Amino acid sequence: MKLLRYGPIGQEKPAALDARGVIRDLSMLLPDLTGKQLDAVTLNALTAIDLTRLPSVPADVRIGCPVNGVGKIICVGLNYADHARESGLEPPPEPVLFMKPSSSIIGPNDNVVIPRGSVKTDWEVELGVVIGSTASYVEEADALNYVAGYVVINDVSEREFQLERAGQWDKGKGCDTFSPIGPWLVTRDEISDPHVLPLWLEVNGKRVQNSSTNQFIFGIPKLVSYISQFMTLYPGDVISTGTPPGVGLGQKPEPWYLKPGDSMRLGIDGLGVQQQLCQAWARSSQVFLG
C-alpha cells in the first residue's frame, strides 16, 4: 500500500494511492497518519479495503510528508562505498550516525530554502526506512519486522556548515526545509527487496546521481539493529540510509552547489518521485513542518 498525506500545510489529511494512481481520502477511517497508525494490525486492515469505494482527491493537490509527528530522523553517513571515496574518506568500519531535527521536514515538492549565508547547499537522494513498532536491542535477523515501509528522502546539506564550521555535522544537516520526505510511504510488503532499488537525482534536468541500493555498505537489517543498540526507535521514526556518488561536493573538475532558482528532481523505483525548487532565504520566509 502507498500511504500519503495531502492538503495545505498544517491541514493535511491521510490518503492512499489506489492501483490506478488515484489518491483516495482515508480521513473517514483515520484521524491522521502518525506512528500510531503504522502498527501491523492497522496496516493490514487498510490493505483489505477496496480503495475505489473511497472519495478521490484531485491529482494536483499538495502532498505533505507521509507521516505526521516524526520523532527523529537518524541518518547514516558514508553508506555507499563510492560516495565515501568521492568525499576523500575510507568506507567506515561501522555505521556513521547523525541526526536531523523534525523541524527540517517538508513535503516532497515544497520549496527548499537556501540558508542565510550559504554558499555550499548540496543534494542527496536517499532511501528512508520508516519504523512501525518500538525497537530496542533488536537482533539483525528480526530487524525488518520493525519496519513499516520506505520513503524517498532528499538529505539536503550545507557543506560549509557541516564540514568547515567545527563540531558535529548536524548544523549543516538540520536547516529548515532540509528534509523533503515522500511522496508516499510504501509499506514493506510492496518492496520484495529494498537492497536492489535504483535511485537517482537531477539538478536543473541534469542527472547527477544514478545508483542502486545494492551498493550499500550496511544493509537495512544491520542499520535497524545497530541503531537500536544506542537508542530506542519508535513508530514513525525515520532512518535515512545514506546517499550514492554524485553530490555537489564530489563534482569534477570542481564542486558546485545549489543556488536560488535551481530545481531538484529525484526518485527511487517503486517509491515515487519528488521535486523541489530552491529559494533564497528571506526574513519574511515562512518555514513549516511539511
C-alpha atoms as a PDB file:
ATOM      1  CA  MET A   1       0.000   0.000   0.000  1.00  0.00           C
ATOM      2  CA  LYS A   2       1.099   3.558  -0.741  1.00  0.00           C
ATOM      3  CA  LEU A   3       0.093   5.915   2.055  1.00  0.00           C
ATOM      4  CA  LEU A   4       0.330   9.689   1.929  1.00  0.00           C
ATOM      5  CA  ARG A   5      -0.942  12.944   3.385  1.00  0.00           C
ATOM      6  CA  TYR A   6      -2.384  15.752   1.298  1.00  0.00           C
ATOM      7  CA  GLY A   7      -3.647  19.293   1.688  1.00  0.00           C
ATOM      8  CA  PRO A   8      -2.426  22.705   2.844  1.00  0.00           C
ATOM      9  CA  ILE A   9       0.475  22.898   5.277  1.00  0.00           C
ATOM     10  CA  GLY A  10      -0.774  22.113   8.758  1.00  0.00           C
ATOM     11  CA  GLN A  11      -4.108  20.776   7.472  1.00  0.00           C
ATOM     12  CA  GLU A  12      -3.018  17.551   5.782  1.00  0.00           C
ATOM     13  CA  LYS A  13      -5.384  14.581   5.617  1.00  0.00           C
ATOM     14  CA  PRO A  14      -4.482  10.876   5.347  1.00  0.00           C
ATOM     15  CA  ALA A  15      -4.841   9.158   1.987  1.00  0.00           C
ATOM     16  CA  ALA A  16      -3.767   6.166  -0.070  1.00  0.00           C
ATOM     17  CA  LEU A  17      -2.861   5.717  -3.717  1.00  0.00           C
ATOM     18  CA  ASP A  18      -5.005   3.152  -5.499  1.00  0.00           C
ATOM     19  CA  ALA A  19      -3.853   0.751  -8.222  1.00  0.00           C
ATOM     20  CA  ARG A  20      -4.657   3.311 -10.943  1.00  0.00           C
ATOM     21  CA  GLY A  21      -2.668   6.069  -9.270  1.00  0.00           C
ATOM     22  CA  VAL A  22      -5.724   7.903  -7.922  1.00  0.00           C
ATOM     23  CA  ILE A  23      -5.415   9.463  -4.468  1.00  0.00           C
ATOM     24  CA  ARG A  24      -8.150   8.188  -2.131  1.00  0.00           C
ATOM     25  CA  ASP A  25      -9.108  10.025   1.054  1.00  0.00           C
ATOM     26  CA  LEU A  26      -8.746   7.995   4.273  1.00  0.00           C
ATOM     27  CA  SER A  27      -9.874  10.692   6.705  1.00  0.00           C
ATOM     28  CA  MET A  28     -13.194   8.941   7.391  1.00  0.00           C
ATOM     29  CA  LEU A  29     -11.188   5.945   8.635  1.00  0.00           C
ATOM     30  CA  LEU A  30      -8.107   7.503  10.242  1.00  0.00           C
ATOM     31  CA  PRO A  31      -7.518  10.788  12.081  1.00  0.00           C
ATOM     32  CA  ASP A  32      -4.056  11.081  10.513  1.00  0.00           C
ATOM     33  CA  LEU A  33      -1.025   9.018   9.538  1.00  0.00           C
ATOM     34  CA  THR A  34       1.280   9.042  12.552  1.00  0.00           C
ATOM     35  CA  GLY A  35       3.384   6.419  14.255  1.00  0.00           C
ATOM     36  CA  LYS A  36       0.221   5.169  15.974  1.00  0.00           C
ATOM     37  CA  GLN A  37      -1.252   4.142  12.615  1.00  0.00           C
ATOM     38  CA  LEU A  38       1.826   2.218  11.469  1.00  0.00           C
ATOM     39  CA  ASP A  39       1.290  -0.933  13.524  1.00  0.00           C
ATOM     40  CA  ALA A  40       0.781  -4.197  11.652  1.00  0.00           C
ATOM     41  CA  VAL A  41      -2.897  -4.525  12.622  1.00  0.00           C
ATOM     42  CA  THR A  42      -3.812  -1.117  11.207  1.00  0.00           C
ATOM     43  CA  LEU A  43      -1.752  -1.568   8.049  1.00  0.00           C
ATOM     44  CA  ASN A  44      -3.265  -4.998   7.408  1.00  0.00           C
ATOM     45  CA  ALA A  45      -6.764  -3.587   7.866  1.00  0.00           C
ATOM     46  CA  LEU A  46      -6.043  -0.780   5.395  1.00  0.00           C
ATOM     47  CA  THR A  47      -4.695  -3.266   2.869  1.00  0.00           C
ATOM     48  CA  ALA A  48      -8.028  -5.117   2.934  1.00  0.00           C
ATOM     49  CA  ILE A  49     -10.024  -2.017   1.992  1.00  0.00           C
ATOM     50  CA  ASP A  50     -11.395  -1.526  -1.528  1.00  0.00           C
ATOM     51  CA  LEU A  51      -9.877   1.891  -2.138  1.00  0.00           C
ATOM     52  CA  THR A  52     -12.069   2.567  -5.169  1.00  0.00           C
ATOM     53  CA  ARG A  53     -15.032   2.963  -2.794  1.00  0.00           C
ATOM     54  CA  LEU A  54     -13.363   5.914  -1.062  1.00  0.00           C
ATOM     55  CA  PRO A  55     -13.553   9.572  -2.216  1.00  0.00           C
ATOM     56  CA  SER A  56     -10.964  10.577  -4.801  1.00  0.00           C
ATOM     57  CA  VAL A  57      -8.671  13.574  -4.435  1.00  0.00           C
ATOM     58  CA  PRO A  58      -7.541  15.876  -7.286  1.00  0.00           C
ATOM     59  CA  ALA A  59      -4.178  14.802  -8.702  1.00  0.00           C
ATOM     60  CA  ASP A  60      -2.714  18.324  -8.406  1.00  0.00           C
ATOM     61  CA  VAL A  61      -3.229  18.585  -4.649  1.00  0.00           C
ATOM     62  CA  ARG A  62      -0.261  19.460  -2.432  1.00  0.00           C
ATOM     63  CA  ILE A  63       1.404  16.400  -0.880  1.00  0.00           C
ATOM     64  CA  GLY A  64       2.895  16.571   2.604  1.00  0.00           C
ATOM     65  CA  CYS A  65       5.298  14.331   4.478  1.00  0.00           C
ATOM     66  CA  PRO A  66       3.541  10.927   4.569  1.00  0.00           C
ATOM     67  CA  VAL A  67       3.988  10.576   8.346  1.00  0.00           C
ATOM     68  CA  ASN A  68       2.945  13.268  10.793  1.00  0.00           C
ATOM     69  CA  GLY A  69       4.816  13.704  14.045  1.00  0.00           C
ATOM     70  CA  VAL A  70       8.124  12.102  13.073  1.00  0.00           C
ATOM     71  CA  GLY A  71      10.030  11.883  16.332  1.00  0.00           C
ATOM     72  CA  LYS A  72      13.546  11.745  14.936  1.00  0.00           C
ATOM     73  CA  ILE A  73      15.465  11.243  11.719  1.00  0.00           C
ATOM     74  CA  ILE A  74      18.572   9.104  12.180  1.00  0.00           C
ATOM     75  CA  CYS A  75      20.931   9.467   9.231  1.00  0.00           C
ATOM     76  CA  VAL A  76      23.702   7.165   8.099  1.00  0.00           C
ATOM     77  CA  GLY A  77      26.791   8.809   6.640  1.00  0.00           C
ATOM     78  CA  LEU A  78      29.040   7.287   4.003  1.00  0.00           C
ATOM     79  CA  ASN A  79      26.917   4.178   3.435  1.00  0.00           C
ATOM     80  CA  TYR A  80      27.867   3.844  -0.256  1.00  0.00           C
ATOM     81  CA  ALA A  81      31.498   2.929  -0.895  1.00  0.00           C
ATOM     82  CA  ASP A  82      31.760   5.143  -3.988  1.00  0.00           C
ATOM     83  CA  HIS A  83      30.341   8.150  -2.129  1.00  0.00           C
ATOM     84  CA  ALA A  84      32.873   7.674   0.665  1.00  0.00           C
ATOM     85  CA  ARG A  85      35.660   7.704  -1.892  1.00  0.00           C
ATOM     86  CA  GLU A  86      34.353  10.815  -3.677  1.00  0.00           C
ATOM     87  CA  SER A  87      34.355  12.504  -0.269  1.00  0.00           C
ATOM     88  CA  GLY A  88      38.007  11.517   0.191  1.00  0.00           C
ATOM     89  CA  LEU A  89      37.211   9.112   3.016  1.00  0.00           C
ATOM     90  CA  GLU A  90      37.601   5.399   3.573  1.00  0.00           C
ATOM     91  CA  PRO A  91      34.426   3.308   3.965  1.00  0.00           C
ATOM     92  CA  PRO A  92      33.675   3.267   7.709  1.00  0.00           C
ATOM     93  CA  PRO A  93      34.135   0.090   9.788  1.00  0.00           C
ATOM     94  CA  GLU A  94      30.672   0.569  11.304  1.00  0.00           C
ATOM     95  CA  PRO A  95      27.729   2.889  10.540  1.00  0.00           C
ATOM     96  CA  VAL A  96      28.324   6.622  10.929  1.00  0.00           C
ATOM     97  CA  LEU A  97      25.261   8.172  12.584  1.00  0.00           C
ATOM     98  CA  PHE A  98      23.976  11.719  12.893  1.00  0.00           C
ATOM     99  CA  MET A  99      20.560  13.286  13.476  1.00  0.00           C
ATOM    100  CA  LYS A 100      18.289  15.681  11.652  1.00  0.00           C
ATOM    101  CA  PRO A 101      15.583  17.558  13.568  1.00  0.00           C
ATOM    102  CA  SER A 102      11.910  17.160  12.737  1.00  0.00           C
ATOM    103  CA  SER A 103      11.833  20.927  12.044  1.00  0.00           C
ATOM    104  CA  SER A 104      13.742  20.222   8.819  1.00  0.00           C
ATOM    105  CA  ILE A 105      10.860  18.159   7.374  1.00  0.00           C
ATOM    106  CA  ILE A 106       8.815  19.414   4.430  1.00  0.00           C
ATOM    107  CA  GLY A 107       6.610  17.821   1.804  1.00  0.00           C
ATOM    108  CA  PRO A 108       8.229  16.165  -1.215  1.00  0.00           C
ATOM    109  CA  ASN A 109       7.503  19.043  -3.586  1.00  0.00           C
ATOM    110  CA  ASP A 110       7.764  22.020  -1.250  1.00  0.00           C
ATOM    111  CA  ASN A 111      10.441  24.642  -1.824  1.00  0.00           C
ATOM    112  CA  VAL A 112      13.899  24.188  -0.284  1.00  0.00           C
ATOM    113  CA  VAL A 113      15.182  27.384   1.358  1.00  0.00           C
ATOM    114  CA  ILE A 114      18.902  28.018   0.977  1.00  0.00           C
ATOM    115  CA  PRO A 115      20.030  29.245   4.415  1.00  0.00           C
ATOM    116  CA  ARG A 116      21.216  32.774   5.025  1.00  0.00           C
ATOM    117  CA  GLY A 117      24.919  32.985   4.181  1.00  0.00           C
ATOM    118  CA  SER A 118      25.032  29.592   2.499  1.00  0.00           C
ATOM    119  CA  VAL A 119      27.343  29.048  -0.466  1.00  0.00           C
ATOM    120  CA  LYS A 120      27.521  25.238  -0.397  1.00  0.00           C
ATOM    121  CA  THR A 121      23.983  23.851  -0.216  1.00  0.00           C
ATOM    122  CA  ASP A 122      24.066  20.319  -1.621  1.00  0.00           C
ATOM    123  CA  TRP A 123      21.689  17.485  -2.589  1.00  0.00           C
ATOM    124  CA  GLU A 124      21.498  13.810  -1.526  1.00  0.00           C
ATOM    125  CA  VAL A 125      18.883  11.288  -2.686  1.00  0.00           C
ATOM    126  CA  GLU A 126      18.358   8.634  -0.015  1.00  0.00           C
ATOM    127  CA  LEU A 127      16.175   5.658   0.829  1.00  0.00           C
ATOM    128  CA  GLY A 128      14.256   6.265   4.045  1.00  0.00           C
ATOM    129  CA  VAL A 129      13.169   3.457   6.374  1.00  0.00           C
ATOM    130  CA  VAL A 130      10.072   4.202   8.485  1.00  0.00           C
ATOM    131  CA  ILE A 131       9.818   2.364  11.793  1.00  0.00           C
ATOM    132  CA  GLY A 132       6.479   0.675  12.541  1.00  0.00           C
ATOM    133  CA  SER A 133       6.972  -0.733  16.039  1.00  0.00           C
ATOM    134  CA  THR A 134       9.179   0.049  19.011  1.00  0.00           C
ATOM    135  CA  ALA A 135      12.684  -1.339  18.514  1.00  0.00           C
ATOM    136  CA  SER A 136      15.283  -1.630  21.265  1.00  0.00           C
ATOM    137  CA  TYR A 137      18.249  -4.012  21.124  1.00  0.00           C
ATOM    138  CA  VAL A 138      16.707  -5.932  18.245  1.00  0.00           C
ATOM    139  CA  GLU A 139      18.553  -8.755  16.526  1.00  0.00           C
ATOM    140  CA  GLU A 140      19.584  -8.286  12.917  1.00  0.00           C
ATOM    141  CA  ALA A 141      17.604 -11.360  11.868  1.00  0.00           C
ATOM    142  CA  ASP A 142      14.402  -9.803  13.251  1.00  0.00           C
ATOM    143  CA  ALA A 143      15.056  -6.194  12.267  1.00  0.00           C
ATOM    144  CA  LEU A 144      12.802  -5.966   9.205  1.00  0.00           C
ATOM    145  CA  ASN A 145       9.817  -6.919  11.360  1.00  0.00           C
ATOM    146  CA  TYR A 146      10.115  -3.464  12.921  1.00  0.00           C
ATOM    147  CA  VAL A 147       9.902  -1.658   9.571  1.00  0.00           C
ATOM    148  CA  ALA A 148       6.570  -0.216   8.400  1.00  0.00           C
ATOM    149  CA  GLY A 149       7.780   0.839   4.967  1.00  0.00           C
ATOM    150  CA  TYR A 150      10.021   3.002   2.822  1.00  0.00           C
ATOM    151  CA  VAL A 151      10.145   6.588   1.539  1.00  0.00           C
ATOM    152  CA  VAL A 152      12.224   8.863  -0.677  1.00  0.00           C
ATOM    153  CA  ILE A 153      14.284  11.464   1.207  1.00  0.00           C
ATOM    154  CA  ASN A 154      16.388  14.355  -0.043  1.00  0.00           C
ATOM    155  CA  ASP A 155      19.036  14.813   2.650  1.00  0.00           C
ATOM    156  CA  VAL A 156      19.795  18.423   1.734  1.00  0.00           C
ATOM    157  CA  SER A 157      23.095  19.522   3.302  1.00  0.00           C
ATOM    158  CA  GLU A 158      25.112  22.715   3.694  1.00  0.00           C
ATOM    159  CA  ARG A 159      28.723  21.581   3.304  1.00  0.00           C
ATOM    160  CA  GLU A 160      30.430  24.650   4.768  1.00  0.00           C
ATOM    161  CA  PHE A 161      28.236  24.487   7.871  1.00  0.00           C
ATOM    162  CA  GLN A 162      28.751  20.710   8.028  1.00  0.00           C
ATOM    163  CA  LEU A 163      32.477  20.389   7.406  1.00  0.00           C
ATOM    164  CA  GLU A 164      34.149  23.767   7.891  1.00  0.00           C
ATOM    165  CA  ARG A 165      32.455  25.265  10.942  1.00  0.00           C
ATOM    166  CA  ALA A 166      33.847  22.878  13.598  1.00  0.00           C
ATOM    167  CA  GLY A 167      31.958  20.418  15.747  1.00  0.00           C
ATOM    168  CA  GLN A 168      29.366  17.909  14.604  1.00  0.00           C
ATOM    169  CA  TRP A 169      27.742  17.546  11.165  1.00  0.00           C
ATOM    170  CA  ASP A 170      24.301  18.443  12.490  1.00  0.00           C
ATOM    171  CA  LYS A 171      24.409  22.178  11.861  1.00  0.00           C
ATOM    172  CA  GLY A 172      24.921  21.573   8.151  1.00  0.00           C
ATOM    173  CA  LYS A 173      22.190  18.952   8.037  1.00  0.00           C
ATOM    174  CA  GLY A 174      19.346  20.307  10.142  1.00  0.00           C
ATOM    175  CA  CYS A 175      18.414  23.597   8.484  1.00  0.00           C
ATOM    176  CA  ASP A 176      14.742  24.313   7.888  1.00  0.00           C
ATOM    177  CA  THR A 177      13.391  22.575   4.738  1.00  0.00           C
ATOM    178  CA  PHE A 178      16.434  20.251   4.516  1.00  0.00           C
ATOM    179  CA  SER A 179      14.385  17.018   4.734  1.00  0.00           C
ATOM    180  CA  PRO A 180      11.824  16.663   1.941  1.00  0.00           C
ATOM    181  CA  ILE A 181      10.104  13.283   2.537  1.00  0.00           C
ATOM    182  CA  GLY A 182       7.641  11.439   0.284  1.00  0.00           C
ATOM    183  CA  PRO A 183       5.545  11.416  -1.794  1.00  0.00           C
ATOM    184  CA  TRP A 184       4.367   8.136  -0.269  1.00  0.00           C
ATOM    185  CA  LEU A 185       5.113   5.695   2.478  1.00  0.00           C
ATOM    186  CA  VAL A 186       5.261   2.376   0.620  1.00  0.00           C
ATOM    187  CA  THR A 187       4.534  -0.464   3.021  1.00  0.00           C
ATOM    188  CA  ARG A 188       7.120  -3.181   3.463  1.00  0.00           C
ATOM    189  CA  ASP A 189       5.005  -5.874   1.746  1.00  0.00           C
ATOM    190  CA  GLU A 190       5.216  -3.984  -1.583  1.00  0.00           C
ATOM    191  CA  ILE A 191       9.023  -3.971  -1.681  1.00  0.00           C
ATOM    192  CA  SER A 192      10.350  -7.512  -2.030  1.00  0.00           C
ATOM    193  CA  ASP A 193      13.978  -6.436  -1.610  1.00  0.00           C
ATOM    194  CA  PRO A 194      14.896  -2.873  -0.555  1.00  0.00           C
ATOM    195  CA  HIS A 195      18.543  -3.607  -1.364  1.00  0.00           C
ATOM    196  CA  VAL A 196      18.088  -3.582  -5.178  1.00  0.00           C
ATOM    197  CA  LEU A 197      16.261  -0.278  -5.700  1.00  0.00           C
ATOM    198  CA  PRO A 198      17.550   2.121  -8.385  1.00  0.00           C
ATOM    199  CA  LEU A 199      17.709   5.730  -7.166  1.00  0.00           C
ATOM    200  CA  TRP A 200      18.612   8.955  -8.935  1.00  0.00           C
ATOM    201  CA  LEU A 201      18.643  12.748  -8.671  1.00  0.00           C
ATOM    202  CA  GLU A 202      18.677  15.551 -11.254  1.00  0.00           C
ATOM    203  CA  VAL A 203      19.628  19.217 -10.824  1.00  0.00           C
ATOM    204  CA  ASN A 204      18.114  21.514 -13.450  1.00  0.00           C
ATOM    205  CA  GLY A 205      17.409  18.452 -15.595  1.00  0.00           C
ATOM    206  CA  LYS A 206      20.964  17.079 -15.400  1.00  0.00           C
ATOM    207  CA  ARG A 207      21.261  13.596 -13.907  1.00  0.00           C
ATOM    208  CA  VAL A 208      23.968  13.833 -11.229  1.00  0.00           C
ATOM    209  CA  GLN A 209      23.198  10.794  -9.064  1.00  0.00           C
ATOM    210  CA  ASN A 210      22.331   7.411 -10.565  1.00  0.00           C
ATOM    211  CA  SER A 211      22.892   4.293  -8.492  1.00  0.00           C
ATOM    212  CA  SER A 212      21.207   1.455  -6.620  1.00  0.00           C
ATOM    213  CA  THR A 213      20.791   0.414  -3.032  1.00  0.00           C
ATOM    214  CA  ASN A 214      22.737  -2.712  -3.978  1.00  0.00           C
ATOM    215  CA  GLN A 215      25.780  -0.513  -3.283  1.00  0.00           C
ATOM    216  CA  PHE A 216      25.009  -0.255   0.443  1.00  0.00           C
ATOM    217  CA  ILE A 217      27.921  -0.872   2.777  1.00  0.00           C
ATOM    218  CA  PHE A 218      25.457  -1.655   5.580  1.00  0.00           C
ATOM    219  CA  GLY A 219      22.059  -3.137   4.737  1.00  0.00           C
ATOM    220  CA  ILE A 220      18.763  -2.223   6.372  1.00  0.00           C
ATOM    221  CA  PRO A 221      18.643  -5.111   8.890  1.00  0.00           C
ATOM    222  CA  LYS A 222      22.129  -4.164  10.068  1.00  0.00           C
ATOM    223  CA  LEU A 223      21.182  -0.483  10.375  1.00  0.00           C
ATOM    224  CA  VAL A 224      17.952  -1.058  12.301  1.00  0.00           C
ATOM    225  CA  SER A 225      19.650  -3.493  14.671  1.00  0.00           C
ATOM    226  CA  TYR A 226      22.760  -1.323  15.081  1.00  0.00           C
ATOM    227  CA  ILE A 227      20.868   1.916  15.775  1.00  0.00           C
ATOM    228  CA  SER A 228      18.587   0.141  18.255  1.00  0.00           C
ATOM    229  CA  GLN A 229      21.645  -0.664  20.379  1.00  0.00           C
ATOM    230  CA  PHE A 230      22.146   3.059  21.058  1.00  0.00           C
ATOM    231  CA  MET A 231      18.614   4.474  21.121  1.00  0.00           C
ATOM    232  CA  THR A 232      15.065   3.178  21.080  1.00  0.00           C
ATOM    233  CA  LEU A 233      13.374   3.512  17.717  1.00  0.00           C
ATOM    234  CA  TYR A 234       9.702   4.444  17.949  1.00  0.00           C
ATOM    235  CA  PRO A 235       6.894   4.111  15.390  1.00  0.00           C
ATOM    236  CA  GLY A 236       7.185   6.966  12.921  1.00  0.00           C
ATOM    237  CA  ASP A 237      10.925   7.430  13.373  1.00  0.00           C
ATOM    238  CA  VAL A 238      12.847   7.532  10.089  1.00  0.00           C
ATOM    239  CA  ILE A 239      16.262   6.137   9.189  1.00  0.00           C
ATOM    240  CA  SER A 240      17.871   7.876   6.205  1.00  0.00           C
ATOM    241  CA  THR A 241      20.242   5.260   4.820  1.00  0.00           C
ATOM    242  CA  GLY A 242      22.890   7.330   3.028  1.00  0.00           C
ATOM    243  CA  THR A 243      23.489   8.673  -0.453  1.00  0.00           C
ATOM    244  CA  PRO A 244      25.349   7.401  -3.537  1.00  0.00           C
ATOM    245  CA  PRO A 245      28.010   9.299  -5.527  1.00  0.00           C
ATOM    246  CA  GLY A 246      27.179  12.447  -7.459  1.00  0.00           C
ATOM    247  CA  VAL A 247      26.617  15.070  -4.772  1.00  0.00           C
ATOM    248  CA  GLY A 248      27.746  18.622  -5.408  1.00  0.00           C
ATOM    249  CA  LEU A 249      30.740  18.198  -3.118  1.00  0.00           C
ATOM    250  CA  GLY A 250      32.052  15.415  -5.357  1.00  0.00           C
ATOM    251  CA  GLN A 251      31.534  17.034  -8.760  1.00  0.00           C
ATOM    252  CA  LYS A 252      34.527  17.181 -11.109  1.00  0.00           C
ATOM    253  CA  PRO A 253      36.618  19.085 -12.019  1.00  0.00           C
ATOM    254  CA  GLU A 254      35.388  21.084  -9.034  1.00  0.00           C
ATOM    255  CA  PRO A 255      32.397  21.071  -6.663  1.00  0.00           C
ATOM    256  CA  TRP A 256      29.271  23.063  -7.478  1.00  0.00           C
ATOM    257  CA  TYR A 257      26.251  23.790  -5.359  1.00  0.00           C
ATOM    258  CA  LEU A 258      22.627  24.849  -5.388  1.00  0.00           C
ATOM    259  CA  LYS A 259      21.514  28.446  -5.840  1.00  0.00           C
ATOM    260  CA  PRO A 260      18.108  30.161  -5.801  1.00  0.00           C
ATOM    261  CA  GLY A 261      16.047  29.174  -8.822  1.00  0.00           C
ATOM    262  CA  ASP A 262      17.646  25.730  -9.192  1.00  0.00           C
ATOM    263  CA  SER A 263      15.386  22.695  -9.263  1.00  0.00           C
ATOM    264  CA  MET A 264      15.933  19.184  -7.943  1.00  0.00           C
ATOM    265  CA  ARG A 265      14.053  16.114  -9.126  1.00  0.00           C
ATOM    266  CA  LEU A 266      14.710  12.737  -7.533  1.00  0.00           C
ATOM    267  CA  GLY A 267      13.193   9.311  -7.134  1.00  0.00           C
ATOM    268  CA  ILE A 268      13.515   5.673  -6.172  1.00  0.00           C
ATOM    269  CA  ASP A 269      11.916   2.880  -8.175  1.00  0.00           C
ATOM    270  CA  GLY A 270       8.589   1.928  -6.628  1.00  0.00           C
ATOM    271  CA  LEU A 271       8.684   4.763  -4.091  1.00  0.00           C
ATOM    272  CA  GLY A 272       7.786   7.740  -6.267  1.00  0.00           C
ATOM    273  CA  VAL A 273       9.353  10.999  -7.387  1.00  0.00           C
ATOM    274  CA  GLN A 274       9.758  14.343  -5.651  1.00  0.00           C
ATOM    275  CA  GLN A 275      10.763  17.768  -6.961  1.00  0.00           C
ATOM    276  CA  GLN A 276      11.848  20.950  -5.209  1.00  0.00           C
ATOM    277  CA  LEU A 277      12.597  24.487  -6.275  1.00  0.00           C
ATOM    278  CA  CYS A 278      15.364  26.284  -4.368  1.00  0.00           C
ATOM    279  CA  GLN A 279      14.567  29.715  -2.986  1.00  0.00           C
ATOM    280  CA  ALA A 280      16.690  32.290  -1.222  1.00  0.00           C
ATOM    281  CA  TRP A 281      16.330  32.805   2.499  1.00  0.00           C
ATOM    282  CA  ALA A 282      14.454  35.961   3.463  1.00  0.00           C
ATOM    283  CA  ARG A 283      13.449  37.245   6.864  1.00  0.00           C
ATOM    284  CA  SER A 284       9.836  37.096   5.776  1.00  0.00           C
ATOM    285  CA  SER A 285      10.143  33.442   4.691  1.00  0.00           C
ATOM    286  CA  GLN A 286       7.646  31.157   6.377  1.00  0.00           C
ATOM    287  CA  VAL A 287       9.003  27.703   7.084  1.00  0.00           C
ATOM    288  CA  PHE A 288       6.692  24.916   8.197  1.00  0.00           C
ATOM    289  CA  LEU A 289       6.814  21.265   9.070  1.00  0.00           C
ATOM    290  CA  GLY A 290       5.518  19.546   5.961  1.00  0.00           C
END
